[in-house]
């Protein structure tokens, strides 16, 4: 759609699709903002969960926008399985962000993890 083309042209968004047995199984989109790579959307077909696809797509975004100091994404507070997955692969909660989609407004969690080789301050 034109909206996707606009995101790619104006904001540098990139999109990837992962396949399993020649069938689309997952996708991810991301962009770079300063020294941060952002994952905008990620989806893995439930039949393909546990195969390492989600982790591979997260790493792909990080590598595609390298060098960056961190990787960030937004998670809806009701999406507990996603939050568990992100924690499992090294993300931590880094704040909250108001989000508006159409007429709906909500407060998402920001999850972040340092890029490889970055030192974190854990006071």
PDB file of N, CA and C in Angstrom:
ATOM      1  N   UNK A   1       0.834  -1.184   0.000  1.00  0.00           N
ATOM      2  CA  UNK A   1       0.000   0.000   0.000  1.00  0.00           C
ATOM      3  C   UNK A   1       0.880   1.249   0.000  1.00  0.00           C
ATOM      4  N   UNK A   2       0.271   2.359  -0.226  1.00  0.00           N
ATOM      5  CA  UNK A   2       1.014   3.621  -0.259  1.00  0.00           C
ATOM      6  C   UNK A   2       1.610   3.941   1.107  1.00  0.00           C
ATOM      7  N   UNK A   3       0.916   3.582   2.168  1.00  0.00           N
ATOM      8  CA  UNK A   3       1.428   3.840   3.512  1.00  0.00           C
ATOM      9  C   UNK A   3       2.767   3.122   3.736  1.00  0.00           C
ATOM     10  N   UNK A   4       2.866   1.863   3.304  1.00  0.00           N
ATOM     11  CA  UNK A   4       4.119   1.115   3.444  1.00  0.00           C
ATOM     12  C   UNK A   4       5.222   1.728   2.589  1.00  0.00           C
ATOM     13  N   UNK A   5       4.898   2.111   1.381  1.00  0.00           N
ATOM     14  CA  UNK A   5       5.895   2.746   0.511  1.00  0.00           C
ATOM     15  C   UNK A   5       6.403   4.039   1.142  1.00  0.00           C
ATOM     16  N   UNK A   6       5.487   4.797   1.715  1.00  0.00           N
ATOM     17  CA  UNK A   6       5.862   6.045   2.367  1.00  0.00           C
ATOM     18  C   UNK A   6       6.790   5.787   3.551  1.00  0.00           C
ATOM     19  N   UNK A   7       6.482   4.768   4.365  1.00  0.00           N
ATOM     20  CA  UNK A   7       7.348   4.434   5.497  1.00  0.00           C
ATOM     21  C   UNK A   7       8.745   4.063   5.017  1.00  0.00           C
ATOM     22  N   UNK A   8       8.837   3.344   3.920  1.00  0.00           N
ATOM     23  CA  UNK A   8      10.146   2.939   3.390  1.00  0.00           C
ATOM     24  C   UNK A   8      10.908   4.147   2.848  1.00  0.00           C
ATOM     25  N   UNK A   9      10.233   4.991   2.092  1.00  0.00           N
ATOM     26  CA  UNK A   9      10.900   6.154   1.493  1.00  0.00           C
ATOM     27  C   UNK A   9      11.293   7.190   2.527  1.00  0.00           C
ATOM     28  N   UNK A  10      10.374   7.551   3.393  1.00  0.00           N
ATOM     29  CA  UNK A  10      10.564   8.686   4.289  1.00  0.00           C
ATOM     30  C   UNK A  10      11.227   8.320   5.613  1.00  0.00           C
ATOM     31  N   UNK A  11      11.014   7.114   6.094  1.00  0.00           N
ATOM     32  CA  UNK A  11      11.528   6.751   7.413  1.00  0.00           C
ATOM     33  C   UNK A  11      12.551   5.625   7.387  1.00  0.00           C
ATOM     34  N   UNK A  12      12.830   5.096   6.220  1.00  0.00           N
ATOM     35  CA  UNK A  12      13.827   4.044   6.118  1.00  0.00           C
ATOM     36  C   UNK A  12      13.386   2.699   6.663  1.00  0.00           C
ATOM     37  N   UNK A  13      12.061   2.483   6.746  1.00  0.00           N
ATOM     38  CA  UNK A  13      11.553   1.196   7.226  1.00  0.00           C
ATOM     39  C   UNK A  13      11.937   0.097   6.248  1.00  0.00           C
ATOM     40  N   UNK A  14      12.266  -1.069   6.824  1.00  0.00           N
ATOM     41  CA  UNK A  14      12.573  -2.248   6.012  1.00  0.00           C
ATOM     42  C   UNK A  14      11.696  -3.395   6.506  1.00  0.00           C
ATOM     43  N   UNK A  15      11.402  -4.329   5.584  1.00  0.00           N
ATOM     44  CA  UNK A  15      10.498  -5.432   5.872  1.00  0.00           C
ATOM     45  C   UNK A  15      11.132  -6.742   5.428  1.00  0.00           C
ATOM     46  N   UNK A  16      10.932  -7.797   6.231  1.00  0.00           N
ATOM     47  CA  UNK A  16      11.443  -9.122   5.900  1.00  0.00           C
ATOM     48  C   UNK A  16      10.354 -10.163   6.158  1.00  0.00           C
ATOM     49  N   UNK A  17      10.364 -11.212   5.348  1.00  0.00           N
ATOM     50  CA  UNK A  17       9.450 -12.345   5.522  1.00  0.00           C
ATOM     51  C   UNK A  17      10.295 -13.606   5.660  1.00  0.00           C
ATOM     52  N   UNK A  18       9.957 -14.434   6.637  1.00  0.00           N
ATOM     53  CA  UNK A  18      10.638 -15.716   6.838  1.00  0.00           C
ATOM     54  C   UNK A  18       9.723 -16.830   6.370  1.00  0.00           C
ATOM     55  N   UNK A  19      10.318 -17.831   5.735  1.00  0.00           N
ATOM     56  CA  UNK A  19       9.551 -18.969   5.224  1.00  0.00           C
ATOM     57  C   UNK A  19      10.014 -20.265   5.866  1.00  0.00           C
ATOM     58  N   UNK A  20       9.067 -21.184   6.018  1.00  0.00           N
ATOM     59  CA  UNK A  20       9.352 -22.544   6.468  1.00  0.00           C
ATOM     60  C   UNK A  20       8.693 -23.473   5.455  1.00  0.00           C
ATOM     61  N   UNK A  21       9.467 -24.374   4.900  1.00  0.00           N
ATOM     62  CA  UNK A  21       8.947 -25.300   3.873  1.00  0.00           C
ATOM     63  C   UNK A  21       8.216 -24.544   2.765  1.00  0.00           C
ATOM     64  N   UNK A  22       8.818 -23.450   2.321  1.00  0.00           N
ATOM     65  CA  UNK A  22       8.307 -22.625   1.231  1.00  0.00           C
ATOM     66  C   UNK A  22       6.974 -21.945   1.533  1.00  0.00           C
ATOM     67  N   UNK A  23       6.620 -21.861   2.808  1.00  0.00           N
ATOM     68  CA  UNK A  23       5.405 -21.168   3.234  1.00  0.00           C
ATOM     69  C   UNK A  23       5.798 -19.986   4.121  1.00  0.00           C
ATOM     70  N   UNK A  24       5.143 -18.836   3.917  1.00  0.00           N
ATOM     71  CA  UNK A  24       5.413 -17.688   4.777  1.00  0.00           C
ATOM     72  C   UNK A  24       5.077 -18.057   6.215  1.00  0.00           C
ATOM     73  N   UNK A  25       6.032 -17.819   7.121  1.00  0.00           N
ATOM     74  CA  UNK A  25       5.864 -18.224   8.513  1.00  0.00           C
ATOM     75  C   UNK A  25       5.966 -17.063   9.488  1.00  0.00           C
ATOM     76  N   UNK A  26       6.598 -15.961   9.066  1.00  0.00           N
ATOM     77  CA  UNK A  26       6.812 -14.846   9.983  1.00  0.00           C
ATOM     78  C   UNK A  26       7.215 -13.609   9.201  1.00  0.00           C
ATOM     79  N   UNK A  27       7.068 -12.451   9.839  1.00  0.00           N
ATOM     80  CA  UNK A  27       7.583 -11.229   9.237  1.00  0.00           C
ATOM     81  C   UNK A  27       8.035 -10.290  10.333  1.00  0.00           C
ATOM     82  N   UNK A  28       8.879  -9.354   9.940  1.00  0.00           N
ATOM     83  CA  UNK A  28       9.341  -8.322  10.860  1.00  0.00           C
ATOM     84  C   UNK A  28       9.559  -7.048  10.053  1.00  0.00           C
ATOM     85  N   UNK A  29       9.338  -5.924  10.696  1.00  0.00           N
ATOM     86  CA  UNK A  29       9.676  -4.645  10.084  1.00  0.00           C
ATOM     87  C   UNK A  29      10.437  -3.828  11.114  1.00  0.00           C
ATOM     88  N   UNK A  30      11.336  -3.006  10.621  1.00  0.00           N
ATOM     89  CA  UNK A  30      12.137  -2.193  11.522  1.00  0.00           C
ATOM     90  C   UNK A  30      12.658  -0.953  10.842  1.00  0.00           C
ATOM     91  N   UNK A  31      13.224  -0.080  11.655  1.00  0.00           N
ATOM     92  CA  UNK A  31      13.811   1.159  11.150  1.00  0.00           C
ATOM     93  C   UNK A  31      14.862   1.632  12.144  1.00  0.00           C
ATOM     94  N   UNK A  32      15.661   2.569  11.711  1.00  0.00           N
ATOM     95  CA  UNK A  32      16.705   3.131  12.561  1.00  0.00           C
ATOM     96  C   UNK A  32      16.327   4.553  12.931  1.00  0.00           C
ATOM     97  N   UNK A  33      16.525   4.882  14.214  1.00  0.00           N
ATOM     98  CA  UNK A  33      16.293   6.237  14.706  1.00  0.00           C
ATOM     99  C   UNK A  33      17.513   6.615  15.536  1.00  0.00           C
ATOM    100  N   UNK A  34      18.384   7.434  14.979  1.00  0.00           N
ATOM    101  CA  UNK A  34      19.635   7.761  15.667  1.00  0.00           C
ATOM    102  C   UNK A  34      20.489   6.512  15.816  1.00  0.00           C
ATOM    103  N   UNK A  35      20.894   6.210  17.044  1.00  0.00           N
ATOM    104  CA  UNK A  35      21.711   5.028  17.322  1.00  0.00           C
ATOM    105  C   UNK A  35      20.880   3.829  17.767  1.00  0.00           C
ATOM    106  N   UNK A  36      19.579   3.887  17.539  1.00  0.00           N
ATOM    107  CA  UNK A  36      18.672   2.826  17.967  1.00  0.00           C
ATOM    108  C   UNK A  36      17.997   2.175  16.767  1.00  0.00           C
ATOM    109  N   UNK A  37      17.994   0.854  16.754  1.00  0.00           N
ATOM    110  CA  UNK A  37      17.200   0.103  15.773  1.00  0.00           C
ATOM    111  C   UNK A  37      15.874  -0.225  16.450  1.00  0.00           C
ATOM    112  N   UNK A  38      14.777   0.076  15.776  1.00  0.00           N
ATOM    113  CA  UNK A  38      13.434  -0.178  16.309  1.00  0.00           C
ATOM    114  C   UNK A  38      12.772  -1.302  15.526  1.00  0.00           C
ATOM    115  N   UNK A  39      12.177  -2.236  16.227  1.00  0.00           N
ATOM    116  CA  UNK A  39      11.298  -3.213  15.599  1.00  0.00           C
ATOM    117  C   UNK A  39       9.898  -2.638  15.672  1.00  0.00           C
ATOM    118  N   UNK A  40       9.293  -2.440  14.517  1.00  0.00           N
ATOM    119  CA  UNK A  40       7.942  -1.876  14.506  1.00  0.00           C
ATOM    120  C   UNK A  40       6.895  -2.976  14.636  1.00  0.00           C
ATOM    121  N   UNK A  41       7.078  -4.046  13.894  1.00  0.00           N
ATOM    122  CA  UNK A  41       6.128  -5.166  13.947  1.00  0.00           C
ATOM    123  C   UNK A  41       6.905  -6.464  13.814  1.00  0.00           C
ATOM    124  N   UNK A  42       6.440  -7.477  14.526  1.00  0.00           N
ATOM    125  CA  UNK A  42       6.988  -8.813  14.371  1.00  0.00           C
ATOM    126  C   UNK A  42       5.856  -9.798  14.609  1.00  0.00           C
ATOM    127  N   UNK A  43       5.790 -10.810  13.757  1.00  0.00           N
ATOM    128  CA  UNK A  43       4.749 -11.828  13.890  1.00  0.00           C
ATOM    129  C   UNK A  43       5.333 -13.165  13.457  1.00  0.00           C
ATOM    130  N   UNK A  44       5.080 -14.187  14.265  1.00  0.00           N
ATOM    131  CA  UNK A  44       5.461 -15.550  13.918  1.00  0.00           C
ATOM    132  C   UNK A  44       4.202 -16.408  13.980  1.00  0.00           C
ATOM    133  N   UNK A  45       3.938 -17.146  12.906  1.00  0.00           N
ATOM    134  CA  UNK A  45       2.790 -18.051  12.873  1.00  0.00           C
ATOM    135  C   UNK A  45       2.859 -18.974  14.090  1.00  0.00           C
ATOM    136  N   UNK A  46       1.764 -19.115  14.829  1.00  0.00           N
ATOM    137  CA  UNK A  46       1.787 -19.969  16.024  1.00  0.00           C
ATOM    138  C   UNK A  46       2.303 -21.387  15.755  1.00  0.00           C
ATOM    139  N   UNK A  47       2.059 -21.916  14.559  1.00  0.00           N
ATOM    140  CA  UNK A  47       2.539 -23.268  14.226  1.00  0.00           C
ATOM    141  C   UNK A  47       4.060 -23.320  14.117  1.00  0.00           C
ATOM    142  N   UNK A  48       4.701 -22.153  14.011  1.00  0.00           N
ATOM    143  CA  UNK A  48       6.155 -22.103  13.832  1.00  0.00           C
ATOM    144  C   UNK A  48       6.891 -21.592  15.065  1.00  0.00           C
ATOM    145  N   UNK A  49       6.159 -21.328  16.132  1.00  0.00           N
ATOM    146  CA  UNK A  49       6.820 -20.841  17.351  1.00  0.00           C
ATOM    147  C   UNK A  49       7.686 -21.942  17.942  1.00  0.00           C
ATOM    148  N   UNK A  50       8.790 -21.528  18.549  1.00  0.00           N
ATOM    149  CA  UNK A  50       9.721 -22.478  19.136  1.00  0.00           C
ATOM    150  C   UNK A  50      10.781 -22.968  18.165  1.00  0.00           C
ATOM    151  N   UNK A  51      10.773 -22.458  16.937  1.00  0.00           N
ATOM    152  CA  UNK A  51      11.737 -22.874  15.918  1.00  0.00           C
ATOM    153  C   UNK A  51      12.926 -21.913  15.813  1.00  0.00           C
ATOM    154  N   UNK A  52      12.934 -20.846  16.622  1.00  0.00           N
ATOM    155  CA  UNK A  52      14.026 -19.870  16.569  1.00  0.00           C
ATOM    156  C   UNK A  52      13.826 -18.766  15.553  1.00  0.00           C
ATOM    157  N   UNK A  53      12.663 -18.736  14.919  1.00  0.00           N
ATOM    158  CA  UNK A  53      12.414 -17.735  13.881  1.00  0.00           C
ATOM    159  C   UNK A  53      12.320 -16.330  14.473  1.00  0.00           C
ATOM    160  N   UNK A  54      11.608 -16.185  15.571  1.00  0.00           N
ATOM    161  CA  UNK A  54      11.468 -14.869  16.203  1.00  0.00           C
ATOM    162  C   UNK A  54      12.818 -14.303  16.605  1.00  0.00           C
ATOM    163  N   UNK A  55      13.632 -15.113  17.245  1.00  0.00           N
ATOM    164  CA  UNK A  55      14.975 -14.680  17.661  1.00  0.00           C
ATOM    165  C   UNK A  55      15.798 -14.292  16.425  1.00  0.00           C
ATOM    166  N   UNK A  56      15.723 -15.096  15.371  1.00  0.00           N
ATOM    167  CA  UNK A  56      16.487 -14.810  14.155  1.00  0.00           C
ATOM    168  C   UNK A  56      16.041 -13.495  13.519  1.00  0.00           C
ATOM    169  N   UNK A  57      14.745 -13.223  13.502  1.00  0.00           N
ATOM    170  CA  UNK A  57      14.254 -11.974  12.922  1.00  0.00           C
ATOM    171  C   UNK A  57      14.673 -10.767  13.748  1.00  0.00           C
ATOM    172  N   UNK A  58      14.637 -10.893  15.069  1.00  0.00           N
ATOM    173  CA  UNK A  58      15.102  -9.804  15.939  1.00  0.00           C
ATOM    174  C   UNK A  58      16.573  -9.519  15.649  1.00  0.00           C
ATOM    175  N   UNK A  59      17.378 -10.573  15.576  1.00  0.00           N
ATOM    176  CA  UNK A  59      18.805 -10.395  15.290  1.00  0.00           C
ATOM    177  C   UNK A  59      19.027  -9.805  13.902  1.00  0.00           C
ATOM    178  N   UNK A  60      18.198 -10.180  12.943  1.00  0.00           N
ATOM    179  CA  UNK A  60      18.305  -9.649  11.591  1.00  0.00           C
ATOM    180  C   UNK A  60      18.116  -8.141  11.572  1.00  0.00           C
ATOM    181  N   UNK A  61      17.101  -7.652  12.280  1.00  0.00           N
ATOM    182  CA  UNK A  61      16.864  -6.204  12.337  1.00  0.00           C
ATOM    183  C   UNK A  61      18.070  -5.512  12.960  1.00  0.00           C
ATOM    184  N   UNK A  62      18.567  -6.058  14.044  1.00  0.00           N
ATOM    185  CA  UNK A  62      19.719  -5.478  14.724  1.00  0.00           C
ATOM    186  C   UNK A  62      20.920  -5.394  13.779  1.00  0.00           C
ATOM    187  N   UNK A  63      21.174  -6.456  13.042  1.00  0.00           N
ATOM    188  CA  UNK A  63      22.307  -6.491  12.110  1.00  0.00           C
ATOM    189  C   UNK A  63      22.086  -5.572  10.909  1.00  0.00           C
ATOM    190  N   UNK A  64      20.857  -5.510  10.421  1.00  0.00           N
ATOM    191  CA  UNK A  64      20.563  -4.712   9.232  1.00  0.00           C
ATOM    192  C   UNK A  64      20.808  -3.223   9.461  1.00  0.00           C
ATOM    193  N   UNK A  65      20.620  -2.765  10.689  1.00  0.00           N
ATOM    194  CA  UNK A  65      20.779  -1.343  10.983  1.00  0.00           C
ATOM    195  C   UNK A  65      22.059  -1.043  11.749  1.00  0.00           C
ATOM    196  N   UNK A  66      22.938  -2.028  11.850  1.00  0.00           N
ATOM    197  CA  UNK A  66      24.210  -1.870  12.546  1.00  0.00           C
ATOM    198  C   UNK A  66      25.080  -0.843  11.819  1.00  0.00           C
ATOM    199  N   UNK A  67      25.872  -0.070  12.546  1.00  0.00           N
ATOM    200  CA  UNK A  67      26.065  -0.143  13.980  1.00  0.00           C
ATOM    201  C   UNK A  67      25.014   0.677  14.738  1.00  0.00           C
ATOM    202  N   UNK A  68      24.463   0.089  15.768  1.00  0.00           N
ATOM    203  CA  UNK A  68      23.532   0.763  16.672  1.00  0.00           C
ATOM    204  C   UNK A  68      23.958   0.442  18.104  1.00  0.00           C
ATOM    205  N   UNK A  69      23.483   1.240  19.047  1.00  0.00           N
ATOM    206  CA  UNK A  69      23.816   0.980  20.448  1.00  0.00           C
ATOM    207  C   UNK A  69      22.764   0.130  21.138  1.00  0.00           C
ATOM    208  N   UNK A  70      21.529   0.168  20.610  1.00  0.00           N
ATOM    209  CA  UNK A  70      20.487  -0.658  21.220  1.00  0.00           C
ATOM    210  C   UNK A  70      19.386  -0.961  20.228  1.00  0.00           C
ATOM    211  N   UNK A  71      18.580  -1.935  20.620  1.00  0.00           N
ATOM    212  CA  UNK A  71      17.405  -2.357  19.865  1.00  0.00           C
ATOM    213  C   UNK A  71      16.207  -2.137  20.767  1.00  0.00           C
ATOM    214  N   UNK A  72      15.144  -1.542  20.228  1.00  0.00           N
ATOM    215  CA  UNK A  72      13.940  -1.255  21.014  1.00  0.00           C
ATOM    216  C   UNK A  72      12.695  -1.702  20.263  1.00  0.00           C
ATOM    217  N   UNK A  73      11.633  -1.903  21.035  1.00  0.00           N
ATOM    218  CA  UNK A  73      10.327  -2.219  20.468  1.00  0.00           C
ATOM    219  C   UNK A  73       9.254  -1.878  21.489  1.00  0.00           C
ATOM    220  N   UNK A  74       8.029  -1.772  21.015  1.00  0.00           N
ATOM    221  CA  UNK A  74       6.883  -1.502  21.877  1.00  0.00           C
ATOM    222  C   UNK A  74       6.068  -2.772  22.036  1.00  0.00           C
ATOM    223  N   UNK A  75       5.529  -2.971  23.247  1.00  0.00           N
ATOM    224  CA  UNK A  75       4.705  -4.147  23.519  1.00  0.00           C
ATOM    225  C   UNK A  75       3.449  -3.705  24.249  1.00  0.00           C
ATOM    226  N   UNK A  76       2.315  -4.188  23.786  1.00  0.00           N
ATOM    227  CA  UNK A  76       1.053  -3.934  24.468  1.00  0.00           C
ATOM    228  C   UNK A  76       1.066  -4.644  25.820  1.00  0.00           C
ATOM    229  N   UNK A  77       0.637  -3.980  26.892  1.00  0.00           N
ATOM    230  CA  UNK A  77       0.674  -4.590  28.231  1.00  0.00           C
ATOM    231  C   UNK A  77      -0.087  -5.908  28.337  1.00  0.00           C
ATOM    232  N   UNK A  78      -1.054  -6.143  27.453  1.00  0.00           N
ATOM    233  CA  UNK A  78      -1.816  -7.384  27.501  1.00  0.00           C
ATOM    234  C   UNK A  78      -1.138  -8.551  26.801  1.00  0.00           C
ATOM    235  N   UNK A  79      -0.020  -8.296  26.146  1.00  0.00           N
ATOM    236  CA  UNK A  79       0.650  -9.340  25.374  1.00  0.00           C
ATOM    237  C   UNK A  79       1.762  -9.987  26.209  1.00  0.00           C
ATOM    238  N   UNK A  80       1.353 -10.710  27.219  1.00  0.00           N
ATOM    239  CA  UNK A  80       2.292 -11.337  28.154  1.00  0.00           C
ATOM    240  C   UNK A  80       3.212 -12.342  27.459  1.00  0.00           C
ATOM    241  N   UNK A  81       2.718 -13.196  26.545  1.00  0.00           N
ATOM    242  CA  UNK A  81       3.641 -14.116  25.873  1.00  0.00           C
ATOM    243  C   UNK A  81       4.763 -13.384  25.119  1.00  0.00           C
ATOM    244  N   UNK A  82       4.453 -12.271  24.488  1.00  0.00           N
ATOM    245  CA  UNK A  82       5.486 -11.504  23.780  1.00  0.00           C
ATOM    246  C   UNK A  82       6.495 -10.938  24.776  1.00  0.00           C
ATOM    247  N   UNK A  83       6.013 -10.378  25.883  1.00  0.00           N
ATOM    248  CA  UNK A  83       6.931  -9.837  26.884  1.00  0.00           C
ATOM    249  C   UNK A  83       7.847 -10.932  27.432  1.00  0.00           C
ATOM    250  N   UNK A  84       7.295 -12.113  27.671  1.00  0.00           N
ATOM    251  CA  UNK A  84       8.114 -13.235  28.149  1.00  0.00           C
ATOM    252  C   UNK A  84       9.188 -13.600  27.122  1.00  0.00           C
ATOM    253  N   UNK A  85       8.814 -13.633  25.843  1.00  0.00           N
ATOM    254  CA  UNK A  85       9.770 -13.941  24.789  1.00  0.00           C
ATOM    255  C   UNK A  85      10.883 -12.898  24.750  1.00  0.00           C
ATOM    256  N   UNK A  86      10.517 -11.607  24.771  1.00  0.00           N
ATOM    257  CA  UNK A  86      11.535 -10.563  24.684  1.00  0.00           C
ATOM    258  C   UNK A  86      12.484 -10.620  25.883  1.00  0.00           C
ATOM    259  N   UNK A  87      11.943 -10.864  27.061  1.00  0.00           N
ATOM    260  CA  UNK A  87      12.817 -11.013  28.243  1.00  0.00           C
ATOM    261  C   UNK A  87      13.760 -12.200  28.056  1.00  0.00           C
ATOM    262  N   UNK A  88      13.246 -13.275  27.507  1.00  0.00           N
ATOM    263  CA  UNK A  88      14.041 -14.490  27.298  1.00  0.00           C
ATOM    264  C   UNK A  88      15.240 -14.234  26.376  1.00  0.00           C
ATOM    265  N   UNK A  89      15.085 -13.318  25.419  1.00  0.00           N
ATOM    266  CA  UNK A  89      16.184 -13.043  24.493  1.00  0.00           C
ATOM    267  C   UNK A  89      16.946 -11.765  24.853  1.00  0.00           C
ATOM    268  N   UNK A  90      16.840 -11.323  26.107  1.00  0.00           N
ATOM    269  CA  UNK A  90      17.704 -10.262  26.605  1.00  0.00           C
ATOM    270  C   UNK A  90      17.149  -8.861  26.683  1.00  0.00           C
ATOM    271  N   UNK A  91      15.871  -8.679  26.398  1.00  0.00           N
ATOM    272  CA  UNK A  91      15.269  -7.351  26.518  1.00  0.00           C
ATOM    273  C   UNK A  91      14.849  -7.087  27.959  1.00  0.00           C
ATOM    274  N   UNK A  92      14.820  -5.809  28.323  1.00  0.00           N
ATOM    275  CA  UNK A  92      14.305  -5.387  29.623  1.00  0.00           C
ATOM    276  C   UNK A  92      13.319  -4.245  29.396  1.00  0.00           C
ATOM    277  N   UNK A  93      12.408  -4.095  30.333  1.00  0.00           N
ATOM    278  CA  UNK A  93      11.456  -2.994  30.254  1.00  0.00           C
ATOM    279  C   UNK A  93      12.208  -1.683  30.471  1.00  0.00           C
ATOM    280  N   UNK A  94      11.984  -0.720  29.572  1.00  0.00           N
ATOM    281  CA  UNK A  94      12.725   0.539  29.628  1.00  0.00           C
ATOM    282  C   UNK A  94      11.816   1.758  29.708  1.00  0.00           C
ATOM    283  N   UNK A  95      10.544   1.559  30.024  1.00  0.00           N
ATOM    284  CA  UNK A  95       9.634   2.686  30.142  1.00  0.00           C
ATOM    285  C   UNK A  95       8.291   2.391  29.508  1.00  0.00           C
ATOM    286  N   UNK A  96       7.513   3.459  29.389  1.00  0.00           N
ATOM    287  CA  UNK A  96       6.182   3.369  28.772  1.00  0.00           C
ATOM    288  C   UNK A  96       6.074   4.457  27.727  1.00  0.00           C
ATOM    289  N   UNK A  97       5.206   4.230  26.733  1.00  0.00           N
ATOM    290  CA  UNK A  97       5.013   5.213  25.674  1.00  0.00           C
ATOM    291  C   UNK A  97       3.558   5.236  25.255  1.00  0.00           C
ATOM    292  N   UNK A  98       2.952   6.443  25.219  1.00  0.00           N
ATOM    293  CA  UNK A  98       1.581   6.535  24.722  1.00  0.00           C
ATOM    294  C   UNK A  98       1.546   6.256  23.222  1.00  0.00           C
ATOM    295  N   UNK A  99       0.559   5.474  22.810  1.00  0.00           N
ATOM    296  CA  UNK A  99       0.413   5.094  21.405  1.00  0.00           C
ATOM    297  C   UNK A  99      -1.022   5.373  20.983  1.00  0.00           C
ATOM    298  N   UNK A 100      -1.184   5.903  19.769  1.00  0.00           N
ATOM    299  CA  UNK A 100      -2.525   6.138  19.228  1.00  0.00           C
ATOM    300  C   UNK A 100      -2.625   5.419  17.896  1.00  0.00           C
ATOM    301  N   UNK A 101      -3.641   4.571  17.778  1.00  0.00           N
ATOM    302  CA  UNK A 101      -3.926   3.877  16.521  1.00  0.00           C
ATOM    303  C   UNK A 101      -5.381   4.163  16.178  1.00  0.00           C
ATOM    304  N   UNK A 102      -5.568   5.018  15.186  1.00  0.00           N
ATOM    305  CA  UNK A 102      -6.933   5.415  14.856  1.00  0.00           C
ATOM    306  C   UNK A 102      -7.548   6.159  16.023  1.00  0.00           C
ATOM    307  N   UNK A 103      -8.709   5.682  16.472  1.00  0.00           N
ATOM    308  CA  UNK A 103      -9.400   6.310  17.598  1.00  0.00           C
ATOM    309  C   UNK A 103      -8.951   5.749  18.942  1.00  0.00           C
ATOM    310  N   UNK A 104      -8.068   4.763  18.931  1.00  0.00           N
ATOM    311  CA  UNK A 104      -7.669   4.095  20.168  1.00  0.00           C
ATOM    312  C   UNK A 104      -6.363   4.662  20.701  1.00  0.00           C
ATOM    313  N   UNK A 105      -6.335   4.908  22.005  1.00  0.00           N
ATOM    314  CA  UNK A 105      -5.125   5.364  22.679  1.00  0.00           C
ATOM    315  C   UNK A 105      -4.811   4.406  23.809  1.00  0.00           C
ATOM    316  N   UNK A 106      -3.543   4.044  23.934  1.00  0.00           N
ATOM    317  CA  UNK A 106      -3.125   3.146  25.003  1.00  0.00           C
ATOM    318  C   UNK A 106      -1.675   3.429  25.351  1.00  0.00           C
ATOM    319  N   UNK A 107      -1.181   2.780  26.402  1.00  0.00           N
ATOM    320  CA  UNK A 107       0.167   2.991  26.903  1.00  0.00           C
ATOM    321  C   UNK A 107       0.946   1.690  26.768  1.00  0.00           C
ATOM    322  N   UNK A 108       1.887   1.645  25.834  1.00  0.00           N
ATOM    323  CA  UNK A 108       2.690   0.447  25.601  1.00  0.00           C
ATOM    324  C   UNK A 108       3.950   0.462  26.466  1.00  0.00           C
ATOM    325  N   UNK A 109       4.489  -0.728  26.680  1.00  0.00           N
ATOM    326  CA  UNK A 109       5.805  -0.847  27.298  1.00  0.00           C
ATOM    327  C   UNK A 109       6.854  -0.672  26.215  1.00  0.00           C
ATOM    328  N   UNK A 110       7.958  -0.031  26.573  1.00  0.00           N
ATOM    329  CA  UNK A 110       9.136   0.004  25.722  1.00  0.00           C
ATOM    330  C   UNK A 110      10.070  -1.078  26.252  1.00  0.00           C
ATOM    331  N   UNK A 111      10.491  -1.986  25.379  1.00  0.00           N
ATOM    332  CA  UNK A 111      11.478  -2.997  25.730  1.00  0.00           C
ATOM    333  C   UNK A 111      12.762  -2.669  24.972  1.00  0.00           C
ATOM    334  N   UNK A 112      13.906  -2.851  25.624  1.00  0.00           N
ATOM    335  CA  UNK A 112      15.190  -2.519  25.006  1.00  0.00           C
ATOM    336  C   UNK A 112      16.239  -3.552  25.384  1.00  0.00           C
ATOM    337  N   UNK A 113      17.222  -3.702  24.494  1.00  0.00           N
ATOM    338  CA  UNK A 113      18.413  -4.486  24.828  1.00  0.00           C
ATOM    339  C   UNK A 113      19.594  -3.839  24.125  1.00  0.00           C
ATOM    340  N   UNK A 114      20.752  -3.865  24.769  1.00  0.00           N
ATOM    341  CA  UNK A 114      21.924  -3.292  24.128  1.00  0.00           C
ATOM    342  C   UNK A 114      22.338  -4.111  22.914  1.00  0.00           C
ATOM    343  N   UNK A 115      22.886  -3.440  21.934  1.00  0.00           N
ATOM    344  CA  UNK A 115      23.439  -4.132  20.774  1.00  0.00           C
ATOM    345  C   UNK A 115      24.681  -4.895  21.223  1.00  0.00           C
ATOM    346  N   UNK A 116      25.068  -5.927  20.494  1.00  0.00           N
ATOM    347  CA  UNK A 116      26.271  -6.684  20.868  1.00  0.00           C
ATOM    348  C   UNK A 116      27.473  -5.756  21.026  1.00  0.00           C
ATOM    349  N   UNK A 117      28.222  -5.979  22.096  1.00  0.00           N
ATOM    350  CA  UNK A 117      29.421  -5.186  22.348  1.00  0.00           C
ATOM    351  C   UNK A 117      29.162  -3.922  23.143  1.00  0.00           C
ATOM    352  N   UNK A 118      27.895  -3.610  23.411  1.00  0.00           N
ATOM    353  CA  UNK A 118      27.576  -2.416  24.186  1.00  0.00           C
ATOM    354  C   UNK A 118      27.560  -2.744  25.667  1.00  0.00           C
ATOM    355  N   UNK A 119      28.002  -1.815  26.488  1.00  0.00           N
ATOM    356  CA  UNK A 119      28.016  -1.979  27.939  1.00  0.00           C
ATOM    357  C   UNK A 119      26.774  -1.320  28.509  1.00  0.00           C
ATOM    358  N   UNK A 120      26.112  -2.011  29.418  1.00  0.00           N
ATOM    359  CA  UNK A 120      24.932  -1.429  30.048  1.00  0.00           C
ATOM    360  C   UNK A 120      25.270  -0.950  31.438  1.00  0.00           C
ATOM    361  N   UNK A 121      24.592   0.081  31.895  1.00  0.00           N
ATOM    362  CA  UNK A 121      24.759   0.623  33.238  1.00  0.00           C
ATOM    363  C   UNK A 121      23.686   0.034  34.111  1.00  0.00           C
ATOM    364  N   UNK A 122      24.072  -0.866  35.029  1.00  0.00           N
ATOM    365  CA  UNK A 122      23.094  -1.512  35.916  1.00  0.00           C
ATOM    366  C   UNK A 122      23.358  -1.082  37.352  1.00  0.00           C
ATOM    367  N   UNK A 123      22.971   0.153  37.667  1.00  0.00           N
ATOM    368  CA  UNK A 123      23.198   0.690  39.020  1.00  0.00           C
ATOM    369  C   UNK A 123      22.390  -0.064  40.029  1.00  0.00           C
TER     370      UNK A 123
END
